[in-house]
Structure formats: structure tokens, C-alpha cells
PDB file of N, CA and C in Angstrom:
ATOM      1  N   MET A   1       0.826  -1.161   0.000  1.00  0.00           N
ATOM      2  CA  MET A   1       0.000   0.000   0.000  1.00  0.00           C
ATOM      3  C   MET A   1       0.884   1.242   0.000  1.00  0.00           C
ATOM      4  N   THR A   2       0.464   2.222  -0.740  1.00  0.00           N
ATOM      5  CA  THR A   2       1.237   3.465  -0.788  1.00  0.00           C
ATOM      6  C   THR A   2       0.939   4.310   0.450  1.00  0.00           C
ATOM      7  N   THR A   3       1.749   5.315   0.659  1.00  0.00           N
ATOM      8  CA  THR A   3       1.566   6.199   1.817  1.00  0.00           C
ATOM      9  C   THR A   3       0.220   6.912   1.749  1.00  0.00           C
ATOM     10  N   ALA A   4      -0.171   7.344   0.568  1.00  0.00           N
ATOM     11  CA  ALA A   4      -1.459   8.031   0.413  1.00  0.00           C
ATOM     12  C   ALA A   4      -2.615   7.096   0.768  1.00  0.00           C
ATOM     13  N   GLU A   5      -2.521   5.840   0.348  1.00  0.00           N
ATOM     14  CA  GLU A   5      -3.569   4.878   0.672  1.00  0.00           C
ATOM     15  C   GLU A   5      -3.628   4.625   2.177  1.00  0.00           C
ATOM     16  N   MET A   6      -2.473   4.509   2.821  1.00  0.00           N
ATOM     17  CA  MET A   6      -2.442   4.296   4.271  1.00  0.00           C
ATOM     18  C   MET A   6      -3.043   5.477   5.016  1.00  0.00           C
ATOM     19  N   GLU A   7      -2.790   6.688   4.526  1.00  0.00           N
ATOM     20  CA  GLU A   7      -3.366   7.871   5.158  1.00  0.00           C
ATOM     21  C   GLU A   7      -4.881   7.880   5.007  1.00  0.00           C
ATOM     22  N   ARG A   8      -5.370   7.441   3.836  1.00  0.00           N
ATOM     23  CA  ARG A   8      -6.822   7.363   3.638  1.00  0.00           C
ATOM     24  C   ARG A   8      -7.441   6.352   4.585  1.00  0.00           C
ATOM     25  N   VAL A   9      -6.797   5.201   4.749  1.00  0.00           N
ATOM     26  CA  VAL A   9      -7.309   4.183   5.665  1.00  0.00           C
ATOM     27  C   VAL A   9      -7.304   4.725   7.082  1.00  0.00           C
ATOM     28  N   ALA A  10      -6.238   5.393   7.481  1.00  0.00           N
ATOM     29  CA  ALA A  10      -6.156   5.955   8.829  1.00  0.00           C
ATOM     30  C   ALA A  10      -7.206   7.045   9.031  1.00  0.00           C
ATOM     31  N   ALA A  11      -7.438   7.845   8.014  1.00  0.00           N
ATOM     32  CA  ALA A  11      -8.378   8.952   8.140  1.00  0.00           C
ATOM     33  C   ALA A  11      -9.820   8.473   8.207  1.00  0.00           C
ATOM     34  N   PHE A  12     -10.165   7.483   7.437  1.00  0.00           N
ATOM     35  CA  PHE A  12     -11.553   7.051   7.361  1.00  0.00           C
ATOM     36  C   PHE A  12     -11.826   5.732   8.065  1.00  0.00           C
ATOM     37  N   GLY A  13     -10.781   4.994   8.409  1.00  0.00           N
ATOM     38  CA  GLY A  13     -10.970   3.732   9.097  1.00  0.00           C
ATOM     39  C   GLY A  13     -11.517   2.640   8.200  1.00  0.00           C
ATOM     40  N   ARG A  14     -11.563   2.874   6.929  1.00  0.00           N
ATOM     41  CA  ARG A  14     -12.061   1.859   6.001  1.00  0.00           C
ATOM     42  C   ARG A  14     -10.917   1.322   5.162  1.00  0.00           C
ATOM     43  N   VAL A  15     -11.020   0.061   4.834  1.00  0.00           N
ATOM     44  CA  VAL A  15      -9.983  -0.594   4.056  1.00  0.00           C
ATOM     45  C   VAL A  15     -10.397  -0.597   2.601  1.00  0.00           C
ATOM     46  N   GLU A  16      -9.457  -0.289   1.738  1.00  0.00           N
ATOM     47  CA  GLU A  16      -9.734  -0.287   0.305  1.00  0.00           C
ATOM     48  C   GLU A  16      -8.857  -1.324  -0.375  1.00  0.00           C
ATOM     49  N   ASN A  17      -9.133  -1.594  -1.606  1.00  0.00           N
ATOM     50  CA  ASN A  17      -8.376  -2.520  -2.454  1.00  0.00           C
ATOM     51  C   ASN A  17      -8.496  -3.949  -1.954  1.00  0.00           C
ATOM     52  N   ASP A  18      -7.398  -4.694  -1.964  1.00  0.00           N
ATOM     53  CA  ASP A  18      -7.454  -6.117  -1.660  1.00  0.00           C
ATOM     54  C   ASP A  18      -7.070  -6.454  -0.218  1.00  0.00           C
ATOM     55  N   GLN A  19      -6.830  -5.471   0.600  1.00  0.00           N
ATOM     56  CA  GLN A  19      -6.461  -5.719   1.989  1.00  0.00           C
ATOM     57  C   GLN A  19      -7.705  -6.095   2.793  1.00  0.00           C
ATOM     58  N   LEU A  20      -7.609  -7.156   3.587  1.00  0.00           N
ATOM     59  CA  LEU A  20      -8.724  -7.564   4.423  1.00  0.00           C
ATOM     60  C   LEU A  20      -8.765  -6.703   5.688  1.00  0.00           C
ATOM     61  N   PRO A  21      -9.943  -6.287   6.092  1.00  0.00           N
ATOM     62  CA  PRO A  21     -10.046  -5.483   7.314  1.00  0.00           C
ATOM     63  C   PRO A  21      -9.833  -6.359   8.547  1.00  0.00           C
ATOM     64  N   ASN A  22      -9.331  -5.748   9.619  1.00  0.00           N
ATOM     65  CA  ASN A  22      -9.139  -6.502  10.851  1.00  0.00           C
ATOM     66  C   ASN A  22     -10.312  -6.325  11.817  1.00  0.00           C
ATOM     67  N   GLY A  23     -11.293  -5.537  11.449  1.00  0.00           N
ATOM     68  CA  GLY A  23     -12.438  -5.267  12.313  1.00  0.00           C
ATOM     69  C   GLY A  23     -13.195  -6.493  12.790  1.00  0.00           C
ATOM     70  N   PRO A  24     -13.521  -7.446  11.911  1.00  0.00           N
ATOM     71  CA  PRO A  24     -14.248  -8.621  12.393  1.00  0.00           C
ATOM     72  C   PRO A  24     -13.479  -9.435  13.436  1.00  0.00           C
ATOM     73  N   ALA A  25     -12.187  -9.542  13.275  1.00  0.00           N
ATOM     74  CA  ALA A  25     -11.388 -10.286  14.253  1.00  0.00           C
ATOM     75  C   ALA A  25     -11.366  -9.567  15.600  1.00  0.00           C
ATOM     76  N   TRP A  26     -11.166  -8.249  15.568  1.00  0.00           N
ATOM     77  CA  TRP A  26     -11.155  -7.496  16.812  1.00  0.00           C
ATOM     78  C   TRP A  26     -12.540  -7.441  17.439  1.00  0.00           C
ATOM     79  N   ALA A  27     -13.577  -7.476  16.627  1.00  0.00           N
ATOM     80  CA  ALA A  27     -14.940  -7.527  17.169  1.00  0.00           C
ATOM     81  C   ALA A  27     -15.145  -8.816  17.953  1.00  0.00           C
ATOM     82  N   ALA A  28     -14.644  -9.922  17.425  1.00  0.00           N
ATOM     83  CA  ALA A  28     -14.767 -11.204  18.118  1.00  0.00           C
ATOM     84  C   ALA A  28     -13.993 -11.197  19.434  1.00  0.00           C
ATOM     85  N   LEU A  29     -12.785 -10.638  19.414  1.00  0.00           N
ATOM     86  CA  LEU A  29     -11.983 -10.613  20.637  1.00  0.00           C
ATOM     87  C   LEU A  29     -12.571  -9.685  21.696  1.00  0.00           C
ATOM     88  N   LEU A  30     -12.975  -8.496  21.292  1.00  0.00           N
ATOM     89  CA  LEU A  30     -13.549  -7.566  22.263  1.00  0.00           C
ATOM     90  C   LEU A  30     -14.858  -8.104  22.832  1.00  0.00           C
ATOM     91  N   SER A  31     -15.664  -8.736  21.999  1.00  0.00           N
ATOM     92  CA  SER A  31     -16.918  -9.286  22.506  1.00  0.00           C
ATOM     93  C   SER A  31     -16.660 -10.419  23.496  1.00  0.00           C
ATOM     94  N   ALA A  32     -15.581 -11.173  23.310  1.00  0.00           N
ATOM     95  CA  ALA A  32     -15.220 -12.207  24.283  1.00  0.00           C
ATOM     96  C   ALA A  32     -14.873 -11.560  25.626  1.00  0.00           C
ATOM     97  N   GLY A  33     -14.156 -10.445  25.582  1.00  0.00           N
ATOM     98  CA  GLY A  33     -13.863  -9.719  26.805  1.00  0.00           C
ATOM     99  C   GLY A  33     -15.122  -9.195  27.469  1.00  0.00           C
ATOM    100  N   ILE A  34     -16.039  -8.684  26.670  1.00  0.00           N
ATOM    101  CA  ILE A  34     -17.310  -8.192  27.204  1.00  0.00           C
ATOM    102  C   ILE A  34     -18.096  -9.341  27.834  1.00  0.00           C
ATOM    103  N   GLY A  35     -18.071 -10.505  27.206  1.00  0.00           N
ATOM    104  CA  GLY A  35     -18.741 -11.680  27.779  1.00  0.00           C
ATOM    105  C   GLY A  35     -18.125 -12.109  29.099  1.00  0.00           C
ATOM    106  N   ALA A  36     -16.796 -12.057  29.193  1.00  0.00           N
ATOM    107  CA  ALA A  36     -16.127 -12.393  30.446  1.00  0.00           C
ATOM    108  C   ALA A  36     -16.507 -11.395  31.536  1.00  0.00           C
ATOM    109  N   PHE A  37     -16.519 -10.106  31.185  1.00  0.00           N
ATOM    110  CA  PHE A  37     -16.919  -9.080  32.149  1.00  0.00           C
ATOM    111  C   PHE A  37     -18.371  -9.277  32.572  1.00  0.00           C
ATOM    112  N   ALA A  38     -19.239  -9.615  31.627  1.00  0.00           N
ATOM    113  CA  ALA A  38     -20.649  -9.844  31.950  1.00  0.00           C
ATOM    114  C   ALA A  38     -20.795 -10.990  32.943  1.00  0.00           C
ATOM    115  N   THR A  39     -20.003 -12.036  32.773  1.00  0.00           N
ATOM    116  CA  THR A  39     -20.048 -13.153  33.716  1.00  0.00           C
ATOM    117  C   THR A  39     -19.702 -12.680  35.123  1.00  0.00           C
ATOM    118  N   GLY A  40     -18.593 -11.952  35.251  1.00  0.00           N
ATOM    119  CA  GLY A  40     -18.197 -11.452  36.563  1.00  0.00           C
ATOM    120  C   GLY A  40     -19.214 -10.501  37.161  1.00  0.00           C
ATOM    121  N   LEU A  41     -19.755  -9.609  36.333  1.00  0.00           N
ATOM    122  CA  LEU A  41     -20.742  -8.645  36.814  1.00  0.00           C
ATOM    123  C   LEU A  41     -22.017  -9.342  37.285  1.00  0.00           C
ATOM    124  N   ILE A  42     -22.485 -10.304  36.526  1.00  0.00           N
ATOM    125  CA  ILE A  42     -23.704 -11.029  36.907  1.00  0.00           C
ATOM    126  C   ILE A  42     -23.485 -11.798  38.200  1.00  0.00           C
ATOM    127  N   VAL A  43     -22.318 -12.394  38.361  1.00  0.00           N
ATOM    128  CA  VAL A  43     -22.013 -13.117  39.601  1.00  0.00           C
ATOM    129  C   VAL A  43     -22.000 -12.156  40.786  1.00  0.00           C
ATOM    130  N   VAL A  44     -21.352 -11.006  40.643  1.00  0.00           N
ATOM    131  CA  VAL A  44     -21.305 -10.025  41.731  1.00  0.00           C
ATOM    132  C   VAL A  44     -22.710  -9.524  42.054  1.00  0.00           C
ATOM    133  N   LEU A  45     -23.487  -9.182  41.038  1.00  0.00           N
ATOM    134  CA  LEU A  45     -24.856  -8.711  41.271  1.00  0.00           C
ATOM    135  C   LEU A  45     -25.695  -9.782  41.964  1.00  0.00           C
ATOM    136  N   ASN A  46     -25.479 -11.028  41.609  1.00  0.00           N
ATOM    137  CA  ASN A  46     -26.189 -12.131  42.249  1.00  0.00           C
ATOM    138  C   ASN A  46     -25.774 -12.258  43.721  1.00  0.00           C
ATOM    139  N   GLU A  47     -24.489 -12.151  43.989  1.00  0.00           N
ATOM    140  CA  GLU A  47     -23.989 -12.318  45.352  1.00  0.00           C
ATOM    141  C   GLU A  47     -24.421 -11.193  46.283  1.00  0.00           C
ATOM    142  N   ILE A  48     -24.583  -9.977  45.759  1.00  0.00           N
ATOM    143  CA  ILE A  48     -25.022  -8.883  46.635  1.00  0.00           C
ATOM    144  C   ILE A  48     -26.550  -8.747  46.656  1.00  0.00           C
ATOM    145  N   GLY A  49     -27.229  -9.594  45.903  1.00  0.00           N
ATOM    146  CA  GLY A  49     -28.678  -9.653  45.963  1.00  0.00           C
ATOM    147  C   GLY A  49     -29.430  -8.722  45.038  1.00  0.00           C
ATOM    148  N   LEU A  50     -28.761  -8.085  44.085  1.00  0.00           N
ATOM    149  CA  LEU A  50     -29.453  -7.188  43.161  1.00  0.00           C
ATOM    150  C   LEU A  50     -30.042  -7.903  41.948  1.00  0.00           C
ATOM    151  N   PHE A  51     -29.541  -9.080  41.647  1.00  0.00           N
ATOM    152  CA  PHE A  51     -30.026  -9.825  40.484  1.00  0.00           C
ATOM    153  C   PHE A  51     -29.918 -11.307  40.795  1.00  0.00           C
ATOM    154  N   THR A  52     -31.005 -12.002  40.661  1.00  0.00           N
ATOM    155  CA  THR A  52     -30.995 -13.440  40.873  1.00  0.00           C
ATOM    156  C   THR A  52     -31.358 -14.112  39.563  1.00  0.00           C
ATOM    157  N   ALA A  53     -30.408 -14.802  38.997  1.00  0.00           N
ATOM    158  CA  ALA A  53     -30.645 -15.507  37.742  1.00  0.00           C
ATOM    159  C   ALA A  53     -31.423 -16.788  38.033  1.00  0.00           C
ATOM    160  N   PRO A  54     -32.378 -17.092  37.203  1.00  0.00           N
ATOM    161  CA  PRO A  54     -33.146 -18.319  37.430  1.00  0.00           C
ATOM    162  C   PRO A  54     -32.299 -19.553  37.147  1.00  0.00           C
ATOM    163  N   ALA A  55     -32.627 -20.629  37.806  1.00  0.00           N
ATOM    164  CA  ALA A  55     -31.955 -21.906  37.550  1.00  0.00           C
ATOM    165  C   ALA A  55     -32.590 -22.516  36.299  1.00  0.00           C
ATOM    166  N   LEU A  56     -31.877 -22.497  35.202  1.00  0.00           N
ATOM    167  CA  LEU A  56     -32.420 -23.033  33.953  1.00  0.00           C
ATOM    168  C   LEU A  56     -32.239 -24.541  33.851  1.00  0.00           C
ATOM    169  N   TYR A  57     -31.306 -25.068  34.620  1.00  0.00           N
ATOM    170  CA  TYR A  57     -31.052 -26.509  34.680  1.00  0.00           C
ATOM    171  C   TYR A  57     -30.873 -26.828  36.155  1.00  0.00           C
ATOM    172  N   ALA A  58     -31.872 -27.496  36.745  1.00  0.00           N
ATOM    173  CA  ALA A  58     -31.933 -27.679  38.192  1.00  0.00           C
ATOM    174  C   ALA A  58     -30.653 -28.253  38.819  1.00  0.00           C
ATOM    175  N   PRO A  59     -30.041 -29.297  38.253  1.00  0.00           N
ATOM    176  CA  PRO A  59     -28.825 -29.820  38.899  1.00  0.00           C
ATOM    177  C   PRO A  59     -27.671 -28.805  38.968  1.00  0.00           C
ATOM    178  N   ALA A  60     -27.623 -27.844  38.047  1.00  0.00           N
ATOM    179  CA  ALA A  60     -26.561 -26.842  38.059  1.00  0.00           C
ATOM    180  C   ALA A  60     -26.924 -25.637  38.914  1.00  0.00           C
ATOM    181  N   GLY A  61     -28.197 -25.438  39.173  1.00  0.00           N
ATOM    182  CA  GLY A  61     -28.626 -24.314  39.998  1.00  0.00           C
ATOM    183  C   GLY A  61     -28.548 -22.996  39.253  1.00  0.00           C
ATOM    184  N   GLY A  62     -28.311 -21.932  40.021  1.00  0.00           N
ATOM    185  CA  GLY A  62     -28.303 -20.579  39.463  1.00  0.00           C
ATOM    186  C   GLY A  62     -27.184 -20.315  38.477  1.00  0.00           C
ATOM    187  N   VAL A  63     -26.122 -21.114  38.548  1.00  0.00           N
ATOM    188  CA  VAL A  63     -25.007 -20.883  37.611  1.00  0.00           C
ATOM    189  C   VAL A  63     -25.462 -21.079  36.162  1.00  0.00           C
ATOM    190  N   SER A  64     -26.450 -21.927  35.941  1.00  0.00           N
ATOM    191  CA  SER A  64     -26.934 -22.119  34.569  1.00  0.00           C
ATOM    192  C   SER A  64     -27.593 -20.847  34.039  1.00  0.00           C
ATOM    193  N   GLY A  65     -28.329 -20.154  34.875  1.00  0.00           N
ATOM    194  CA  GLY A  65     -28.951 -18.894  34.453  1.00  0.00           C
ATOM    195  C   GLY A  65     -27.935 -17.785  34.285  1.00  0.00           C
ATOM    196  N   ARG A  66     -26.972 -17.695  35.218  1.00  0.00           N
ATOM    197  CA  ARG A  66     -25.948 -16.640  35.128  1.00  0.00           C
ATOM    198  C   ARG A  66     -25.114 -16.786  33.867  1.00  0.00           C
ATOM    199  N   THR A  67     -24.688 -17.989  33.569  1.00  0.00           N
ATOM    200  CA  THR A  67     -23.859 -18.178  32.371  1.00  0.00           C
ATOM    201  C   THR A  67     -24.669 -18.004  31.095  1.00  0.00           C
ATOM    202  N   THR A  68     -25.940 -18.373  31.129  1.00  0.00           N
ATOM    203  CA  THR A  68     -26.778 -18.178  29.945  1.00  0.00           C
ATOM    204  C   THR A  68     -26.944 -16.695  29.637  1.00  0.00           C
ATOM    205  N   PHE A  69     -27.169 -15.881  30.658  1.00  0.00           N
ATOM    206  CA  PHE A  69     -27.268 -14.441  30.441  1.00  0.00           C
ATOM    207  C   PHE A  69     -25.954 -13.862  29.927  1.00  0.00           C
ATOM    208  N   ALA A  70     -24.842 -14.335  30.467  1.00  0.00           N
ATOM    209  CA  ALA A  70     -23.538 -13.853  30.007  1.00  0.00           C
ATOM    210  C   ALA A  70     -23.297 -14.226  28.545  1.00  0.00           C
ATOM    211  N   VAL A  71     -23.695 -15.424  28.153  1.00  0.00           N
ATOM    212  CA  VAL A  71     -23.537 -15.845  26.752  1.00  0.00           C
ATOM    213  C   VAL A  71     -24.411 -14.985  25.841  1.00  0.00           C
ATOM    214  N   LEU A  72     -25.608 -14.668  26.273  1.00  0.00           N
ATOM    215  CA  LEU A  72     -26.475 -13.803  25.463  1.00  0.00           C
ATOM    216  C   LEU A  72     -25.866 -12.409  25.299  1.00  0.00           C
ATOM    217  N   ILE A  73     -25.286 -11.878  26.366  1.00  0.00           N
ATOM    218  CA  ILE A  73     -24.623 -10.570  26.280  1.00  0.00           C
ATOM    219  C   ILE A  73     -23.441 -10.644  25.319  1.00  0.00           C
ATOM    220  N   TRP A  74     -22.665 -11.717  25.406  1.00  0.00           N
ATOM    221  CA  TRP A  74     -21.522 -11.910  24.502  1.00  0.00           C
ATOM    222  C   TRP A  74     -21.986 -11.954  23.038  1.00  0.00           C
ATOM    223  N   LEU A  75     -23.048 -12.715  22.761  1.00  0.00           N
ATOM    224  CA  LEU A  75     -23.532 -12.834  21.381  1.00  0.00           C
ATOM    225  C   LEU A  75     -24.042 -11.500  20.838  1.00  0.00           C
ATOM    226  N   VAL A  76     -24.769 -10.756  21.657  1.00  0.00           N
ATOM    227  CA  VAL A  76     -25.259  -9.446  21.223  1.00  0.00           C
ATOM    228  C   VAL A  76     -24.084  -8.504  20.964  1.00  0.00           C
ATOM    229  N   ALA A  77     -23.112  -8.501  21.876  1.00  0.00           N
ATOM    230  CA  ALA A  77     -21.933  -7.639  21.691  1.00  0.00           C
ATOM    231  C   ALA A  77     -21.200  -8.011  20.408  1.00  0.00           C
ATOM    232  N   TRP A  78     -21.046  -9.295  20.155  1.00  0.00           N
ATOM    233  CA  TRP A  78     -20.348  -9.739  18.949  1.00  0.00           C
ATOM    234  C   TRP A  78     -21.108  -9.299  17.697  1.00  0.00           C
ATOM    235  N   ALA A  79     -22.410  -9.483  17.692  1.00  0.00           N
ATOM    236  CA  ALA A  79     -23.208  -9.117  16.521  1.00  0.00           C
ATOM    237  C   ALA A  79     -23.129  -7.609  16.247  1.00  0.00           C
ATOM    238  N   VAL A  80     -23.253  -6.813  17.302  1.00  0.00           N
ATOM    239  CA  VAL A  80     -23.217  -5.352  17.135  1.00  0.00           C
ATOM    240  C   VAL A  80     -21.840  -4.897  16.668  1.00  0.00           C
ATOM    241  N   LEU A  81     -20.790  -5.370  17.345  1.00  0.00           N
ATOM    242  CA  LEU A  81     -19.430  -4.961  16.963  1.00  0.00           C
ATOM    243  C   LEU A  81     -19.075  -5.430  15.558  1.00  0.00           C
ATOM    244  N   HIS A  82     -19.449  -6.651  15.220  1.00  0.00           N
ATOM    245  CA  HIS A  82     -19.146  -7.154  13.876  1.00  0.00           C
ATOM    246  C   HIS A  82     -19.847  -6.312  12.813  1.00  0.00           C
ATOM    247  N   ALA A  83     -21.107  -6.000  13.056  1.00  0.00           N
ATOM    248  CA  ALA A  83     -21.853  -5.186  12.085  1.00  0.00           C
ATOM    249  C   ALA A  83     -21.219  -3.810  11.905  1.00  0.00           C
ATOM    250  N   ARG A  84     -20.720  -3.235  12.989  1.00  0.00           N
ATOM    251  CA  ARG A  84     -20.132  -1.893  12.909  1.00  0.00           C
ATOM    252  C   ARG A  84     -18.715  -1.910  12.356  1.00  0.00           C
ATOM    253  N   TRP A  85     -17.950  -2.993  12.598  1.00  0.00           N
ATOM    254  CA  TRP A  85     -16.528  -3.015  12.256  1.00  0.00           C
ATOM    255  C   TRP A  85     -16.185  -3.928  11.087  1.00  0.00           C
ATOM    256  N   LYS A  86     -17.154  -4.510  10.404  1.00  0.00           N
ATOM    257  CA  LYS A  86     -16.841  -5.523   9.392  1.00  0.00           C
ATOM    258  C   LYS A  86     -16.005  -5.011   8.221  1.00  0.00           C
ATOM    259  N   GLU A  87     -16.040  -3.728   7.940  1.00  0.00           N
ATOM    260  CA  GLU A  87     -15.249  -3.181   6.834  1.00  0.00           C
ATOM    261  C   GLU A  87     -14.220  -2.168   7.316  1.00  0.00           C
ATOM    262  N   ARG A  88     -13.851  -2.233   8.570  1.00  0.00           N
ATOM    263  CA  ARG A  88     -12.956  -1.223   9.148  1.00  0.00           C
ATOM    264  C   ARG A  88     -11.615  -1.816   9.569  1.00  0.00           C
ATOM    265  N   GLU A  89     -10.656  -0.935   9.603  1.00  0.00           N
ATOM    266  CA  GLU A  89      -9.338  -1.231  10.149  1.00  0.00           C
ATOM    267  C   GLU A  89      -9.341  -0.631  11.559  1.00  0.00           C
ATOM    268  N   ILE A  90      -9.208  -1.475  12.564  1.00  0.00           N
ATOM    269  CA  ILE A  90      -9.357  -1.062  13.956  1.00  0.00           C
ATOM    270  C   ILE A  90      -7.988  -0.964  14.622  1.00  0.00           C
ATOM    271  N   ASP A  91      -7.851   0.022  15.514  1.00  0.00           N
ATOM    272  CA  ASP A  91      -6.620   0.192  16.286  1.00  0.00           C
ATOM    273  C   ASP A  91      -6.471  -0.986  17.254  1.00  0.00           C
ATOM    274  N   SER A  92      -5.505  -1.832  16.991  1.00  0.00           N
ATOM    275  CA  SER A  92      -5.373  -3.068  17.759  1.00  0.00           C
ATOM    276  C   SER A  92      -4.932  -2.845  19.196  1.00  0.00           C
ATOM    277  N   VAL A  93      -4.140  -1.844  19.463  1.00  0.00           N
ATOM    278  CA  VAL A  93      -3.652  -1.615  20.827  1.00  0.00           C
ATOM    279  C   VAL A  93      -4.802  -1.246  21.758  1.00  0.00           C
ATOM    280  N   ARG A  94      -5.651  -0.345  21.323  1.00  0.00           N
ATOM    281  CA  ARG A  94      -6.782   0.066  22.162  1.00  0.00           C
ATOM    282  C   ARG A  94      -7.750  -1.077  22.415  1.00  0.00           C
ATOM    283  N   VAL A  95      -8.066  -1.834  21.376  1.00  0.00           N
ATOM    284  CA  VAL A  95      -9.035  -2.924  21.530  1.00  0.00           C
ATOM    285  C   VAL A  95      -8.439  -4.054  22.361  1.00  0.00           C
ATOM    286  N   ALA A  96      -7.167  -4.366  22.148  1.00  0.00           N
ATOM    287  CA  ALA A  96      -6.525  -5.414  22.945  1.00  0.00           C
ATOM    288  C   ALA A  96      -6.462  -5.010  24.412  1.00  0.00           C
ATOM    289  N   SER A  97      -6.182  -3.754  24.685  1.00  0.00           N
ATOM    290  CA  SER A  97      -6.137  -3.268  26.069  1.00  0.00           C
ATOM    291  C   SER A  97      -7.518  -3.354  26.720  1.00  0.00           C
ATOM    292  N   ALA A  98      -8.538  -2.942  25.999  1.00  0.00           N
ATOM    293  CA  ALA A  98      -9.899  -3.013  26.529  1.00  0.00           C
ATOM    294  C   ALA A  98     -10.307  -4.468  26.772  1.00  0.00           C
ATOM    295  N   THR A  99      -9.955  -5.353  25.845  1.00  0.00           N
ATOM    296  CA  THR A  99     -10.275  -6.767  26.003  1.00  0.00           C
ATOM    297  C   THR A  99      -9.605  -7.336  27.238  1.00  0.00           C
ATOM    298  N   LEU A 100      -8.328  -7.040  27.414  1.00  0.00           N
ATOM    299  CA  LEU A 100      -7.599  -7.526  28.580  1.00  0.00           C
ATOM    300  C   LEU A 100      -8.216  -6.996  29.871  1.00  0.00           C
ATOM    301  N   LEU A 101      -8.578  -5.724  29.888  1.00  0.00           N
ATOM    302  CA  LEU A 101      -9.214  -5.140  31.068  1.00  0.00           C
ATOM    303  C   LEU A 101     -10.534  -5.845  31.385  1.00  0.00           C
ATOM    304  N   PHE A 102     -11.363  -6.066  30.375  1.00  0.00           N
ATOM    305  CA  PHE A 102     -12.642  -6.753  30.584  1.00  0.00           C
ATOM    306  C   PHE A 102     -12.439  -8.171  31.105  1.00  0.00           C
ATOM    307  N   VAL A 103     -11.474  -8.889  30.568  1.00  0.00           N
ATOM    308  CA  VAL A 103     -11.220 -10.262  31.024  1.00  0.00           C
ATOM    309  C   VAL A 103     -10.759 -10.266  32.480  1.00  0.00           C
ATOM    310  N   VAL A 104      -9.845  -9.375  32.813  1.00  0.00           N
ATOM    311  CA  VAL A 104      -9.360  -9.302  34.197  1.00  0.00           C
ATOM    312  C   VAL A 104     -10.504  -8.957  35.149  1.00  0.00           C
ATOM    313  N   LEU A 105     -11.321  -7.977  34.799  1.00  0.00           N
ATOM    314  CA  LEU A 105     -12.458  -7.614  35.646  1.00  0.00           C
ATOM    315  C   LEU A 105     -13.460  -8.760  35.764  1.00  0.00           C
ATOM    316  N   GLY A 106     -13.649  -9.502  34.692  1.00  0.00           N
ATOM    317  CA  GLY A 106     -14.546 -10.657  34.740  1.00  0.00           C
ATOM    318  C   GLY A 106     -14.031 -11.736  35.669  1.00  0.00           C
ATOM    319  N   ILE A 107     -12.729 -11.990  35.625  1.00  0.00           N
ATOM    320  CA  ILE A 107     -12.136 -12.993  36.518  1.00  0.00           C
ATOM    321  C   ILE A 107     -12.237 -12.534  37.971  1.00  0.00           C
ATOM    322  N   VAL A 108     -11.934 -11.271  38.213  1.00  0.00           N
ATOM    323  CA  VAL A 108     -12.027 -10.741  39.576  1.00  0.00           C
ATOM    324  C   VAL A 108     -13.464 -10.849  40.092  1.00  0.00           C
ATOM    325  N   GLY A 109     -14.437 -10.603  39.222  1.00  0.00           N
ATOM    326  CA  GLY A 109     -15.835 -10.685  39.634  1.00  0.00           C
ATOM    327  C   GLY A 109     -16.279 -12.076  40.013  1.00  0.00           C
ATOM    328  N   THR A 110     -15.625 -13.091  39.494  1.00  0.00           N
ATOM    329  CA  THR A 110     -15.994 -14.468  39.832  1.00  0.00           C
ATOM    330  C   THR A 110     -15.124 -15.037  40.952  1.00  0.00           C
ATOM    331  N   PHE A 111     -14.287 -14.210  41.548  1.00  0.00           N
ATOM    332  CA  PHE A 111     -13.366 -14.644  42.601  1.00  0.00           C
ATOM    333  C   PHE A 111     -14.083 -14.558  43.948  1.00  0.00           C
ATOM    334  N   PRO A 112     -14.353 -15.680  44.614  1.00  0.00           N
ATOM    335  CA  PRO A 112     -15.164 -15.671  45.835  1.00  0.00           C
ATOM    336  C   PRO A 112     -14.719 -14.721  46.945  1.00  0.00           C
ATOM    337  N   PRO A 113     -13.428 -14.505  47.215  1.00  0.00           N
ATOM    338  CA  PRO A 113     -13.095 -13.550  48.285  1.00  0.00           C
ATOM    339  C   PRO A 113     -13.616 -12.133  48.018  1.00  0.00           C
ATOM    340  N   LEU A 114     -13.830 -11.767  46.778  1.00  0.00           N
ATOM    341  CA  LEU A 114     -14.387 -10.448  46.476  1.00  0.00           C
ATOM    342  C   LEU A 114     -15.806 -10.336  47.028  1.00  0.00           C
ATOM    343  N   TRP A 115     -16.552 -11.423  46.976  1.00  0.00           N
ATOM    344  CA  TRP A 115     -17.942 -11.385  47.401  1.00  0.00           C
ATOM    345  C   TRP A 115     -18.056 -11.063  48.881  1.00  0.00           C
ATOM    346  N   SER A 116     -17.116 -11.529  49.676  1.00  0.00           N
ATOM    347  CA  SER A 116     -17.186 -11.264  51.118  1.00  0.00           C
ATOM    348  C   SER A 116     -16.905  -9.793  51.430  1.00  0.00           C
ATOM    349  N   LEU A 117     -16.222  -9.113  50.529  1.00  0.00           N
ATOM    350  CA  LEU A 117     -15.960  -7.693  50.732  1.00  0.00           C
ATOM    351  C   LEU A 117     -17.191  -6.840  50.456  1.00  0.00           C
ATOM    352  N   LEU A 118     -18.115  -7.383  49.696  1.00  0.00           N
ATOM    353  CA  LEU A 118     -19.327  -6.639  49.347  1.00  0.00           C
ATOM    354  C   LEU A 118     -20.346  -6.910  50.390  1.00  0.00           C
TER     355      LEU A 118
END
């Protein structure tokens, strides 16, 4: 790609010619981070009593409802991000940082000692 073409891509965020956009891949990764964060958030909300997920599968208890809601949030996030970014070149550093932050927060939210602090 020439310098002028790279400047156009940077200015408009759209990919031209035969280069494949990286937006769909980053949409999948960021949505995975959002799903991980949703899992942690739902667990914390459940533990402090603000949200009680129904038991969708009795032997598993409430965890079946919590994970089902988190999966639905992940799928919606993926669909929305993919639709918005499917033809775009996305800044990988920002999205990777946000994904890492969401995953870490999701893990912390599912960590039982955190619940006792709330």
C-alpha cells in the first residue's frame, strides 16, 4: 500500500483494495472480553442480591442462568461490533487493552473472596 492509501485508511478507518479489514477479528476478541466481564458482573450482582438468575437446569442451579445471560450478552456484543466493524481497520492496541481489562475484571468478579468484601 502506498503512503497516500495508508493515510486514507487511517483517516476514514475503512480498508480499500485487496487488503482484508481486521475489524471482524477485533470484534470477536472484544466481545469475548465483554462476555467475560458480563459473567463477573452477573455473579457479583447475584452475590449482593441485586439480580438473581433463574436456575435453567436444576442440577446446576443458578449458575446455569448466570452463564446463559452472560452468553447472550456476549452474542449481542459480537453481533453489534461485527456489524459496525466488518469493513474497518481497527486500532489493535486500544481494543486489545480493553479486552484484557474486561477479562481481568470478569475474573475478579468471579473470585469468591471479592464477594465477602461486598
